[in-house]
């Protein structure tokens, strides 16, 4: 079974990410991003 990690966006400043979140983002296969307000799609990237 896979694992799901949730990473908070905090105040929105890109430089304010924890080291743990950075490490998780470096090793996952897929990154899901919620859709922006007013859009109907979401993004999955790697």
Protein backbone atom coordinates (compact mmCIF):
# COMPACT_ATOMS: atom_id res chain seq x y z
CA UNK A 1 0.00 0.00 0.00
CA UNK A 2 1.21 3.51 -0.79
CA UNK A 3 1.56 6.50 1.46
CA UNK A 4 -0.07 9.91 1.31
CA UNK A 5 1.71 12.98 2.64
CA UNK A 6 0.00 16.31 3.25
CA UNK A 7 2.17 19.41 3.14
CA UNK A 8 0.80 22.73 4.36
CA UNK A 9 1.34 25.87 2.34
CA UNK A 10 1.69 28.16 5.34
CA UNK A 11 1.45 31.87 4.56
CA UNK A 12 2.25 31.26 0.89
CA UNK A 13 5.90 32.36 0.96
CA UNK A 14 7.83 29.80 -1.18
CA UNK A 15 10.97 30.08 0.96
CA UNK A 16 9.10 29.01 4.13
CA UNK A 17 9.02 25.24 3.69
CA UNK A 18 10.22 22.81 6.33
CA UNK A 19 13.18 20.55 5.64
CA UNK A 20 10.94 17.54 6.17
CA UNK A 21 8.47 18.78 3.55
CA UNK A 22 11.35 19.43 1.14
CA UNK A 23 12.66 15.89 1.62
CA UNK A 24 9.22 14.38 1.06
CA UNK A 25 8.77 16.38 -2.16
CA UNK A 26 12.13 15.13 -3.41
CA UNK A 27 11.20 11.44 -3.08
CA UNK A 28 7.53 11.14 -4.05
CA UNK A 29 6.42 9.95 -7.49
CA UNK A 30 3.42 12.25 -7.87
CA UNK A 31 2.56 15.69 -6.52
CA UNK A 32 -1.11 16.69 -6.45
CA UNK A 33 -1.96 20.38 -6.27
CA UNK A 34 -5.51 21.54 -5.46
CA UNK A 35 -7.23 23.64 -8.07
CA UNK A 36 -7.10 27.40 -7.85
CA UNK A 37 -10.27 29.25 -6.98
CA UNK A 38 -12.45 29.64 -10.04
CA UNK A 39 -10.92 26.66 -11.90
CA UNK A 40 -12.37 23.19 -12.28
CA UNK A 41 -9.15 21.22 -12.73
CA UNK A 42 -6.32 20.13 -10.45
CA UNK A 43 -2.71 19.29 -11.26
CA UNK A 44 -0.67 16.12 -10.83
CA UNK A 45 3.00 16.50 -11.67
CA UNK A 46 6.39 14.87 -11.42
